[in-house]
Amino acid sequence: MLMALMRAEEGAHGAAIREEIADTTGRKVTPGAIYPTLDRLEQRGLVRSYMGDPVAARGGRAKRHFVLLKPGLEEVRRAWRQYALLATGLESALGKGRSR
């Protein structure tokens, strides 16, 4: 979720984050799954949310936007390092034409 927020750029709203996940991974995320996750990330101090200006096209409703905070960026870096370590040495096992 944090990586998708980074890709969608600062101030992205939930629908843009969902779209980024779908476009990048091919996985569909429901609104019912994304907002509780973003709420938990905000409670942990990894992201911050704010309400945008009301939009006439949305019936006068405002969108909730999200910003990655420094601790969130550090969490992405930590996870990236862990994935890289786990992936080390798997290149030959994942080579073309190999199956199990």
PDB file of N, CA and C in Angstrom:
ATOM      1  N   MET A   1       0.832  -1.184   0.000  1.00  0.00           N
ATOM      2  CA  MET A   1       0.000   0.000   0.000  1.00  0.00           C
ATOM      3  C   MET A   1       0.880   1.252   0.000  1.00  0.00           C
ATOM      4  N   LEU A   2       1.951   1.221   0.810  1.00  0.00           N
ATOM      5  CA  LEU A   2       2.841   2.381   0.863  1.00  0.00           C
ATOM      6  C   LEU A   2       3.527   2.617  -0.475  1.00  0.00           C
ATOM      7  N   MET A   3       3.946   1.538  -1.131  1.00  0.00           N
ATOM      8  CA  MET A   3       4.581   1.683  -2.438  1.00  0.00           C
ATOM      9  C   MET A   3       3.598   2.230  -3.469  1.00  0.00           C
ATOM     10  N   ALA A   4       2.361   1.778  -3.404  1.00  0.00           N
ATOM     11  CA  ALA A   4       1.340   2.278  -4.332  1.00  0.00           C
ATOM     12  C   ALA A   4       1.097   3.758  -4.101  1.00  0.00           C
ATOM     13  N   LEU A   5       1.109   4.184  -2.839  1.00  0.00           N
ATOM     14  CA  LEU A   5       0.949   5.608  -2.540  1.00  0.00           C
ATOM     15  C   LEU A   5       2.123   6.402  -3.111  1.00  0.00           C
ATOM     16  N   MET A   6       3.330   5.867  -2.992  1.00  0.00           N
ATOM     17  CA  MET A   6       4.491   6.550  -3.574  1.00  0.00           C
ATOM     18  C   MET A   6       4.348   6.672  -5.081  1.00  0.00           C
ATOM     19  N   ARG A   7       3.894   5.614  -5.739  1.00  0.00           N
ATOM     20  CA  ARG A   7       3.747   5.623  -7.192  1.00  0.00           C
ATOM     21  C   ARG A   7       2.636   6.570  -7.626  1.00  0.00           C
ATOM     22  N   ALA A   8       1.560   6.630  -6.852  1.00  0.00           N
ATOM     23  CA  ALA A   8       0.420   7.480  -7.201  1.00  0.00           C
ATOM     24  C   ALA A   8       0.709   8.955  -6.930  1.00  0.00           C
ATOM     25  N   GLU A   9       1.773   9.236  -6.216  1.00  0.00           N
ATOM     26  CA  GLU A   9       2.248  10.585  -5.897  1.00  0.00           C
ATOM     27  C   GLU A   9       1.536  11.169  -4.687  1.00  0.00           C
ATOM     28  N   GLU A  10       2.239  12.103  -4.073  1.00  0.00           N
ATOM     29  CA  GLU A  10       1.769  12.721  -2.843  1.00  0.00           C
ATOM     30  C   GLU A  10       0.404  13.369  -3.028  1.00  0.00           C
ATOM     31  N   GLY A  11      -0.446  13.163  -2.043  1.00  0.00           N
ATOM     32  CA  GLY A  11      -1.777  13.740  -2.092  1.00  0.00           C
ATOM     33  C   GLY A  11      -2.784  12.898  -2.853  1.00  0.00           C
ATOM     34  N   ALA A  12      -2.414  11.648  -3.135  1.00  0.00           N
ATOM     35  CA  ALA A  12      -3.324  10.766  -3.867  1.00  0.00           C
ATOM     36  C   ALA A  12      -4.524  10.405  -2.995  1.00  0.00           C
ATOM     37  N   HIS A  13      -5.646  10.196  -3.620  1.00  0.00           N
ATOM     38  CA  HIS A  13      -6.838   9.759  -2.896  1.00  0.00           C
ATOM     39  C   HIS A  13      -6.964   8.243  -3.050  1.00  0.00           C
ATOM     40  N   GLY A  14      -7.854   7.653  -2.268  1.00  0.00           N
ATOM     41  CA  GLY A  14      -7.989   6.205  -2.236  1.00  0.00           C
ATOM     42  C   GLY A  14      -8.210   5.560  -3.587  1.00  0.00           C
ATOM     43  N   ALA A  15      -9.044   6.157  -4.427  1.00  0.00           N
ATOM     44  CA  ALA A  15      -9.315   5.570  -5.745  1.00  0.00           C
ATOM     45  C   ALA A  15      -8.066   5.558  -6.614  1.00  0.00           C
ATOM     46  N   ALA A  16      -7.236   6.599  -6.514  1.00  0.00           N
ATOM     47  CA  ALA A  16      -5.995   6.649  -7.296  1.00  0.00           C
ATOM     48  C   ALA A  16      -5.018   5.581  -6.809  1.00  0.00           C
ATOM     49  N   ILE A  17      -4.985   5.344  -5.512  1.00  0.00           N
ATOM     50  CA  ILE A  17      -4.113   4.312  -4.955  1.00  0.00           C
ATOM     51  C   ILE A  17      -4.594   2.936  -5.407  1.00  0.00           C
ATOM     52  N   ARG A  18      -5.910   2.705  -5.364  1.00  0.00           N
ATOM     53  CA  ARG A  18      -6.485   1.442  -5.842  1.00  0.00           C
ATOM     54  C   ARG A  18      -6.142   1.224  -7.313  1.00  0.00           C
ATOM     55  N   GLU A  19      -6.270   2.269  -8.107  1.00  0.00           N
ATOM     56  CA  GLU A  19      -5.979   2.184  -9.538  1.00  0.00           C
ATOM     57  C   GLU A  19      -4.501   1.861  -9.769  1.00  0.00           C
ATOM     58  N   GLU A  20      -3.631   2.464  -8.991  1.00  0.00           N
ATOM     59  CA  GLU A  20      -2.191   2.208  -9.119  1.00  0.00           C
ATOM     60  C   GLU A  20      -1.890   0.738  -8.819  1.00  0.00           C
ATOM     61  N   ILE A  21      -2.500   0.196  -7.796  1.00  0.00           N
ATOM     62  CA  ILE A  21      -2.301  -1.220  -7.465  1.00  0.00           C
ATOM     63  C   ILE A  21      -2.796  -2.098  -8.606  1.00  0.00           C
ATOM     64  N   ALA A  22      -3.979  -1.807  -9.114  1.00  0.00           N
ATOM     65  CA  ALA A  22      -4.544  -2.610 -10.203  1.00  0.00           C
ATOM     66  C   ALA A  22      -3.695  -2.520 -11.466  1.00  0.00           C
ATOM     67  N   ASP A  23      -3.280  -1.307 -11.830  1.00  0.00           N
ATOM     68  CA  ASP A  23      -2.491  -1.119 -13.050  1.00  0.00           C
ATOM     69  C   ASP A  23      -1.118  -1.771 -12.949  1.00  0.00           C
ATOM     70  N   THR A  24      -0.520  -1.716 -11.781  1.00  0.00           N
ATOM     71  CA  THR A  24       0.838  -2.208 -11.603  1.00  0.00           C
ATOM     72  C   THR A  24       0.895  -3.712 -11.368  1.00  0.00           C
ATOM     73  N   THR A  25      -0.041  -4.228 -10.576  1.00  0.00           N
ATOM     74  CA  THR A  25       0.025  -5.643 -10.176  1.00  0.00           C
ATOM     75  C   THR A  25      -1.027  -6.522 -10.834  1.00  0.00           C
ATOM     76  N   GLY A  26      -2.068  -5.907 -11.393  1.00  0.00           N
ATOM     77  CA  GLY A  26      -3.171  -6.684 -11.945  1.00  0.00           C
ATOM     78  C   GLY A  26      -4.152  -7.150 -10.884  1.00  0.00           C
ATOM     79  N   ARG A  27      -3.924  -6.749  -9.643  1.00  0.00           N
ATOM     80  CA  ARG A  27      -4.819  -7.139  -8.546  1.00  0.00           C
ATOM     81  C   ARG A  27      -5.841  -6.048  -8.292  1.00  0.00           C
ATOM     82  N   LYS A  28      -7.055  -6.466  -8.089  1.00  0.00           N
ATOM     83  CA  LYS A  28      -8.130  -5.524  -7.769  1.00  0.00           C
ATOM     84  C   LYS A  28      -8.247  -5.417  -6.250  1.00  0.00           C
ATOM     85  N   VAL A  29      -8.342  -4.192  -5.758  1.00  0.00           N
ATOM     86  CA  VAL A  29      -8.513  -3.941  -4.337  1.00  0.00           C
ATOM     87  C   VAL A  29      -9.838  -3.223  -4.155  1.00  0.00           C
ATOM     88  N   THR A  30     -10.663  -3.714  -3.267  1.00  0.00           N
ATOM     89  CA  THR A  30     -11.970  -3.092  -3.041  1.00  0.00           C
ATOM     90  C   THR A  30     -11.815  -1.884  -2.122  1.00  0.00           C
ATOM     91  N   PRO A  31     -12.722  -0.916  -2.237  1.00  0.00           N
ATOM     92  CA  PRO A  31     -12.672   0.223  -1.309  1.00  0.00           C
ATOM     93  C   PRO A  31     -12.773  -0.240   0.143  1.00  0.00           C
ATOM     94  N   GLY A  32     -13.522  -1.305   0.368  1.00  0.00           N
ATOM     95  CA  GLY A  32     -13.679  -1.829   1.722  1.00  0.00           C
ATOM     96  C   GLY A  32     -12.396  -2.392   2.301  1.00  0.00           C
ATOM     97  N   ALA A  33     -11.418  -2.671   1.446  1.00  0.00           N
ATOM     98  CA  ALA A  33     -10.125  -3.175   1.919  1.00  0.00           C
ATOM     99  C   ALA A  33      -9.096  -2.058   2.016  1.00  0.00           C
ATOM    100  N   ILE A  34      -9.178  -1.095   1.126  1.00  0.00           N
ATOM    101  CA  ILE A  34      -8.118  -0.083   1.083  1.00  0.00           C
ATOM    102  C   ILE A  34      -8.220   0.925   2.219  1.00  0.00           C
ATOM    103  N   TYR A  35      -9.415   1.399   2.518  1.00  0.00           N
ATOM    104  CA  TYR A  35      -9.522   2.453   3.523  1.00  0.00           C
ATOM    105  C   TYR A  35      -9.181   1.984   4.934  1.00  0.00           C
ATOM    106  N   PRO A  36      -9.599   0.804   5.358  1.00  0.00           N
ATOM    107  CA  PRO A  36      -9.148   0.347   6.685  1.00  0.00           C
ATOM    108  C   PRO A  36      -7.621   0.206   6.765  1.00  0.00           C
ATOM    109  N   THR A  37      -7.007  -0.227   5.674  1.00  0.00           N
ATOM    110  CA  THR A  37      -5.549  -0.340   5.647  1.00  0.00           C
ATOM    111  C   THR A  37      -4.911   1.036   5.753  1.00  0.00           C
ATOM    112  N   LEU A  38      -5.409   2.001   4.985  1.00  0.00           N
ATOM    113  CA  LEU A  38      -4.877   3.359   5.060  1.00  0.00           C
ATOM    114  C   LEU A  38      -5.101   3.957   6.452  1.00  0.00           C
ATOM    115  N   ASP A  39      -6.241   3.656   7.054  1.00  0.00           N
ATOM    116  CA  ASP A  39      -6.506   4.126   8.431  1.00  0.00           C
ATOM    117  C   ASP A  39      -5.479   3.565   9.407  1.00  0.00           C
ATOM    118  N   ARG A  40      -5.163   2.269   9.284  1.00  0.00           N
ATOM    119  CA  ARG A  40      -4.162   1.652  10.161  1.00  0.00           C
ATOM    120  C   ARG A  40      -2.782   2.270   9.938  1.00  0.00           C
ATOM    121  N   LEU A  41      -2.437   2.524   8.690  1.00  0.00           N
ATOM    122  CA  LEU A  41      -1.152   3.155   8.393  1.00  0.00           C
ATOM    123  C   LEU A  41      -1.088   4.560   8.994  1.00  0.00           C
ATOM    124  N   GLU A  42      -2.209   5.248   8.973  1.00  0.00           N
ATOM    125  CA  GLU A  42      -2.244   6.582   9.570  1.00  0.00           C
ATOM    126  C   GLU A  42      -2.116   6.491  11.091  1.00  0.00           C
ATOM    127  N   GLN A  43      -2.774   5.530  11.706  1.00  0.00           N
ATOM    128  CA  GLN A  43      -2.670   5.340  13.150  1.00  0.00           C
ATOM    129  C   GLN A  43      -1.240   5.006  13.566  1.00  0.00           C
ATOM    130  N   ARG A  44      -0.513   4.324  12.707  1.00  0.00           N
ATOM    131  CA  ARG A  44       0.887   3.965  12.982  1.00  0.00           C
ATOM    132  C   ARG A  44       1.848   5.113  12.673  1.00  0.00           C
ATOM    133  N   GLY A  45       1.333   6.224  12.126  1.00  0.00           N
ATOM    134  CA  GLY A  45       2.163   7.383  11.842  1.00  0.00           C
ATOM    135  C   GLY A  45       2.962   7.268  10.557  1.00  0.00           C
ATOM    136  N   LEU A  46       2.539   6.376   9.646  1.00  0.00           N
ATOM    137  CA  LEU A  46       3.256   6.178   8.392  1.00  0.00           C
ATOM    138  C   LEU A  46       2.719   7.058   7.270  1.00  0.00           C
ATOM    139  N   VAL A  47       1.447   7.402   7.338  1.00  0.00           N
ATOM    140  CA  VAL A  47       0.821   8.297   6.365  1.00  0.00           C
ATOM    141  C   VAL A  47      -0.009   9.330   7.121  1.00  0.00           C
ATOM    142  N   ARG A  48      -0.352  10.379   6.412  1.00  0.00           N
ATOM    143  CA  ARG A  48      -1.243  11.409   6.942  1.00  0.00           C
ATOM    144  C   ARG A  48      -2.339  11.614   5.912  1.00  0.00           C
ATOM    145  N   SER A  49      -3.537  11.866   6.380  1.00  0.00           N
ATOM    146  CA  SER A  49      -4.619  12.151   5.444  1.00  0.00           C
ATOM    147  C   SER A  49      -5.146  13.561   5.686  1.00  0.00           C
ATOM    148  N   TYR A  50      -5.742  14.111   4.653  1.00  0.00           N
ATOM    149  CA  TYR A  50      -6.395  15.411   4.753  1.00  0.00           C
ATOM    150  C   TYR A  50      -7.540  15.437   3.752  1.00  0.00           C
ATOM    151  N   MET A  51      -8.504  16.271   4.028  1.00  0.00           N
ATOM    152  CA  MET A  51      -9.659  16.396   3.153  1.00  0.00           C
ATOM    153  C   MET A  51      -9.392  17.495   2.127  1.00  0.00           C
ATOM    154  N   GLY A  52      -9.647  17.160   0.860  1.00  0.00           N
ATOM    155  CA  GLY A  52      -9.509  18.134  -0.213  1.00  0.00           C
ATOM    156  C   GLY A  52     -10.727  19.031  -0.260  1.00  0.00           C
ATOM    157  N   ASP A  53     -10.750  19.900  -1.234  1.00  0.00           N
ATOM    158  CA  ASP A  53     -11.888  20.793  -1.420  1.00  0.00           C
ATOM    159  C   ASP A  53     -13.070  20.011  -1.971  1.00  0.00           C
ATOM    160  N   PRO A  54     -14.285  20.417  -1.612  1.00  0.00           N
ATOM    161  CA  PRO A  54     -15.473  19.768  -2.182  1.00  0.00           C
ATOM    162  C   PRO A  54     -15.468  19.899  -3.706  1.00  0.00           C
ATOM    163  N   VAL A  55     -15.950  18.856  -4.370  1.00  0.00           N
ATOM    164  CA  VAL A  55     -15.952  18.808  -5.826  1.00  0.00           C
ATOM    165  C   VAL A  55     -17.399  18.691  -6.304  1.00  0.00           C
ATOM    166  N   ALA A  56     -17.801  19.587  -7.219  1.00  0.00           N
ATOM    167  CA  ALA A  56     -19.176  19.580  -7.726  1.00  0.00           C
ATOM    168  C   ALA A  56     -19.513  18.248  -8.388  1.00  0.00           C
ATOM    169  N   ALA A  57     -18.546  17.663  -9.106  1.00  0.00           N
ATOM    170  CA  ALA A  57     -18.790  16.393  -9.797  1.00  0.00           C
ATOM    171  C   ALA A  57     -19.065  15.256  -8.806  1.00  0.00           C
ATOM    172  N   ARG A  58     -18.679  15.430  -7.566  1.00  0.00           N
ATOM    173  CA  ARG A  58     -18.915  14.415  -6.539  1.00  0.00           C
ATOM    174  C   ARG A  58     -20.099  14.812  -5.654  1.00  0.00           C
ATOM    175  N   GLY A  59     -20.952  15.669  -6.145  1.00  0.00           N
ATOM    176  CA  GLY A  59     -22.107  16.094  -5.362  1.00  0.00           C
ATOM    177  C   GLY A  59     -21.723  16.986  -4.197  1.00  0.00           C
ATOM    178  N   GLY A  60     -20.620  17.711  -4.338  1.00  0.00           N
ATOM    179  CA  GLY A  60     -20.179  18.611  -3.278  1.00  0.00           C
ATOM    180  C   GLY A  60     -19.357  17.939  -2.200  1.00  0.00           C
ATOM    181  N   ARG A  61     -19.049  16.656  -2.386  1.00  0.00           N
ATOM    182  CA  ARG A  61     -18.250  15.938  -1.383  1.00  0.00           C
ATOM    183  C   ARG A  61     -16.763  16.129  -1.666  1.00  0.00           C
ATOM    184  N   ALA A  62     -15.983  16.095  -0.603  1.00  0.00           N
ATOM    185  CA  ALA A  62     -14.530  16.230  -0.716  1.00  0.00           C
ATOM    186  C   ALA A  62     -13.890  14.848  -0.741  1.00  0.00           C
ATOM    187  N   LYS A  63     -12.711  14.772  -1.346  1.00  0.00           N
ATOM    188  CA  LYS A  63     -11.937  13.534  -1.360  1.00  0.00           C
ATOM    189  C   LYS A  63     -10.931  13.556  -0.210  1.00  0.00           C
ATOM    190  N   ARG A  64     -10.665  12.388   0.329  1.00  0.00           N
ATOM    191  CA  ARG A  64      -9.648  12.244   1.360  1.00  0.00           C
ATOM    192  C   ARG A  64      -8.333  11.882   0.668  1.00  0.00           C
ATOM    193  N   HIS A  65      -7.319  12.673   0.899  1.00  0.00           N
ATOM    194  CA  HIS A  65      -6.015  12.489   0.273  1.00  0.00           C
ATOM    195  C   HIS A  65      -5.011  11.965   1.298  1.00  0.00           C
ATOM    196  N   PHE A  66      -3.983  11.267   0.806  1.00  0.00           N
ATOM    197  CA  PHE A  66      -2.989  10.655   1.680  1.00  0.00           C
ATOM    198  C   PHE A  66      -1.588  11.079   1.279  1.00  0.00           C
ATOM    199  N   VAL A  67      -0.744  11.257   2.286  1.00  0.00           N
ATOM    200  CA  VAL A  67       0.642  11.660   2.098  1.00  0.00           C
ATOM    201  C   VAL A  67       1.519  10.686   2.871  1.00  0.00           C
ATOM    202  N   LEU A  68       2.562  10.209   2.223  1.00  0.00           N
ATOM    203  CA  LEU A  68       3.530   9.336   2.881  1.00  0.00           C
ATOM    204  C   LEU A  68       4.423  10.187   3.773  1.00  0.00           C
ATOM    205  N   LEU A  69       4.533   9.805   5.038  1.00  0.00           N
ATOM    206  CA  LEU A  69       5.393  10.515   5.980  1.00  0.00           C
ATOM    207  C   LEU A  69       6.767   9.862   6.032  1.00  0.00           C
ATOM    208  N   LYS A  70       7.719  10.537   6.653  1.00  0.00           N
ATOM    209  CA  LYS A  70       9.089  10.022   6.729  1.00  0.00           C
ATOM    210  C   LYS A  70       9.140   8.604   7.324  1.00  0.00           C
ATOM    211  N   PRO A  71       8.422   8.313   8.421  1.00  0.00           N
ATOM    212  CA  PRO A  71       8.441   6.934   8.929  1.00  0.00           C
ATOM    213  C   PRO A  71       7.879   5.927   7.915  1.00  0.00           C
ATOM    214  N   GLY A  72       6.933   6.353   7.092  1.00  0.00           N
ATOM    215  CA  GLY A  72       6.401   5.483   6.044  1.00  0.00           C
ATOM    216  C   GLY A  72       7.438   5.184   4.983  1.00  0.00           C
ATOM    217  N   LEU A  73       8.199   6.195   4.601  1.00  0.00           N
ATOM    218  CA  LEU A  73       9.277   6.008   3.641  1.00  0.00           C
ATOM    219  C   LEU A  73      10.335   5.066   4.210  1.00  0.00           C
ATOM    220  N   GLU A  74      10.644   5.231   5.486  1.00  0.00           N
ATOM    221  CA  GLU A  74      11.606   4.327   6.136  1.00  0.00           C
ATOM    222  C   GLU A  74      11.075   2.898   6.153  1.00  0.00           C
ATOM    223  N   GLU A  75       9.786   2.725   6.338  1.00  0.00           N
ATOM    224  CA  GLU A  75       9.180   1.382   6.308  1.00  0.00           C
ATOM    225  C   GLU A  75       9.304   0.768   4.921  1.00  0.00           C
ATOM    226  N   VAL A  76       9.096   1.566   3.878  1.00  0.00           N
ATOM    227  CA  VAL A  76       9.271   1.073   2.503  1.00  0.00           C
ATOM    228  C   VAL A  76      10.720   0.653   2.287  1.00  0.00           C
ATOM    229  N   ARG A  77      11.657   1.470   2.725  1.00  0.00           N
ATOM    230  CA  ARG A  77      13.080   1.120   2.579  1.00  0.00           C
ATOM    231  C   ARG A  77      13.415  -0.177   3.313  1.00  0.00           C
ATOM    232  N   ARG A  78      12.897  -0.338   4.540  1.00  0.00           N
ATOM    233  CA  ARG A  78      13.142  -1.541   5.327  1.00  0.00           C
ATOM    234  C   ARG A  78      12.592  -2.773   4.618  1.00  0.00           C
ATOM    235  N   ALA A  79      11.362  -2.679   4.145  1.00  0.00           N
ATOM    236  CA  ALA A  79      10.740  -3.808   3.448  1.00  0.00           C
ATOM    237  C   ALA A  79      11.494  -4.134   2.164  1.00  0.00           C
ATOM    238  N   TRP A  80      11.913  -3.099   1.440  1.00  0.00           N
ATOM    239  CA  TRP A  80      12.664  -3.292   0.188  1.00  0.00           C
ATOM    240  C   TRP A  80      13.960  -4.060   0.453  1.00  0.00           C
ATOM    241  N   ARG A  81      14.679  -3.671   1.503  1.00  0.00           N
ATOM    242  CA  ARG A  81      15.921  -4.368   1.860  1.00  0.00           C
ATOM    243  C   ARG A  81      15.648  -5.827   2.200  1.00  0.00           C
ATOM    244  N   GLN A  82      14.585  -6.089   2.946  1.00  0.00           N
ATOM    245  CA  GLN A  82      14.253  -7.465   3.321  1.00  0.00           C
ATOM    246  C   GLN A  82      13.897  -8.304   2.097  1.00  0.00           C
ATOM    247  N   TYR A  83      13.110  -7.768   1.186  1.00  0.00           N
ATOM    248  CA  TYR A  83      12.756  -8.492  -0.037  1.00  0.00           C
ATOM    249  C   TYR A  83      13.996  -8.771  -0.874  1.00  0.00           C
ATOM    250  N   ALA A  84      14.884  -7.791  -0.960  1.00  0.00           N
ATOM    251  CA  ALA A  84      16.115  -7.969  -1.736  1.00  0.00           C
ATOM    252  C   ALA A  84      16.962  -9.088  -1.134  1.00  0.00           C
ATOM    253  N   LEU A  85      17.065  -9.127   0.183  1.00  0.00           N
ATOM    254  CA  LEU A  85      17.823 -10.197   0.836  1.00  0.00           C
ATOM    255  C   LEU A  85      17.187 -11.558   0.583  1.00  0.00           C
ATOM    256  N   LEU A  86      15.874 -11.624   0.679  1.00  0.00           N
ATOM    257  CA  LEU A  86      15.176 -12.888   0.424  1.00  0.00           C
ATOM    258  C   LEU A  86      15.345 -13.343  -1.018  1.00  0.00           C
ATOM    259  N   ALA A  87      15.427 -12.406  -1.937  1.00  0.00           N
ATOM    260  CA  ALA A  87      15.535 -12.738  -3.359  1.00  0.00           C
ATOM    261  C   ALA A  87      16.953 -13.103  -3.778  1.00  0.00           C
ATOM    262  N   THR A  88      17.934 -12.737  -2.967  1.00  0.00           N
ATOM    263  CA  THR A  88      19.325 -13.023  -3.312  1.00  0.00           C
ATOM    264  C   THR A  88      19.520 -14.520  -3.528  1.00  0.00           C
ATOM    265  N   GLY A  89      20.088 -14.859  -4.676  1.00  0.00           N
ATOM    266  CA  GLY A  89      20.371 -16.251  -4.990  1.00  0.00           C
ATOM    267  C   GLY A  89      19.241 -16.995  -5.681  1.00  0.00           C
ATOM    268  N   LEU A  90      18.114 -16.355  -5.867  1.00  0.00           N
ATOM    269  CA  LEU A  90      16.975 -17.032  -6.505  1.00  0.00           C
ATOM    270  C   LEU A  90      16.987 -16.906  -8.027  1.00  0.00           C
ATOM    271  N   GLU A  91      17.902 -16.114  -8.572  1.00  0.00           N
ATOM    272  CA  GLU A  91      17.913 -15.869 -10.012  1.00  0.00           C
ATOM    273  C   GLU A  91      17.952 -17.173 -10.810  1.00  0.00           C
ATOM    274  N   SER A  92      18.834 -18.094 -10.435  1.00  0.00           N
ATOM    275  CA  SER A  92      18.945 -19.337 -11.199  1.00  0.00           C
ATOM    276  C   SER A  92      17.693 -20.197 -11.041  1.00  0.00           C
ATOM    277  N   ALA A  93      17.104 -20.210  -9.880  1.00  0.00           N
ATOM    278  CA  ALA A  93      15.899 -21.004  -9.650  1.00  0.00           C
ATOM    279  C   ALA A  93      14.695 -20.436 -10.402  1.00  0.00           C
ATOM    280  N   LEU A  94      14.730 -19.166 -10.697  1.00  0.00           N
ATOM    281  CA  LEU A  94      13.613 -18.515 -11.385  1.00  0.00           C
ATOM    282  C   LEU A  94      13.911 -18.309 -12.871  1.00  0.00           C
ATOM    283  N   GLY A  95      14.984 -18.897 -13.367  1.00  0.00           N
ATOM    284  CA  GLY A  95      15.374 -18.733 -14.769  1.00  0.00           C
ATOM    285  C   GLY A  95      14.305 -19.205 -15.727  1.00  0.00           C
ATOM    286  N   LYS A  96      14.439 -18.766 -16.981  1.00  0.00           N
ATOM    287  CA  LYS A  96      13.477 -19.118 -18.026  1.00  0.00           C
ATOM    288  C   LYS A  96      13.446 -20.621 -18.274  1.00  0.00           C
ATOM    289  N   GLY A  97      12.261 -21.112 -18.544  1.00  0.00           N
ATOM    290  CA  GLY A  97      12.095 -22.507 -18.930  1.00  0.00           C
ATOM    291  C   GLY A  97      12.108 -23.492 -17.768  1.00  0.00           C
ATOM    292  N   ARG A  98      12.262 -22.986 -16.570  1.00  0.00           N
ATOM    293  CA  ARG A  98      12.274 -23.889 -15.419  1.00  0.00           C
ATOM    294  C   ARG A  98      10.900 -23.935 -14.794  1.00  0.00           C
ATOM    295  N   SER A  99      10.484 -25.084 -14.448  1.00  0.00           N
ATOM    296  CA  SER A  99       9.222 -25.217 -13.722  1.00  0.00           C
ATOM    297  C   SER A  99       9.380 -26.339 -12.711  1.00  0.00           C
ATOM    298  N   ARG A 100       8.510 -26.358 -11.751  1.00  0.00           N
ATOM    299  CA  ARG A 100       8.573 -27.384 -10.709  1.00  0.00           C
ATOM    300  C   ARG A 100       7.309 -28.173 -10.697  1.00  0.00           C
TER     301      ARG A 100
END
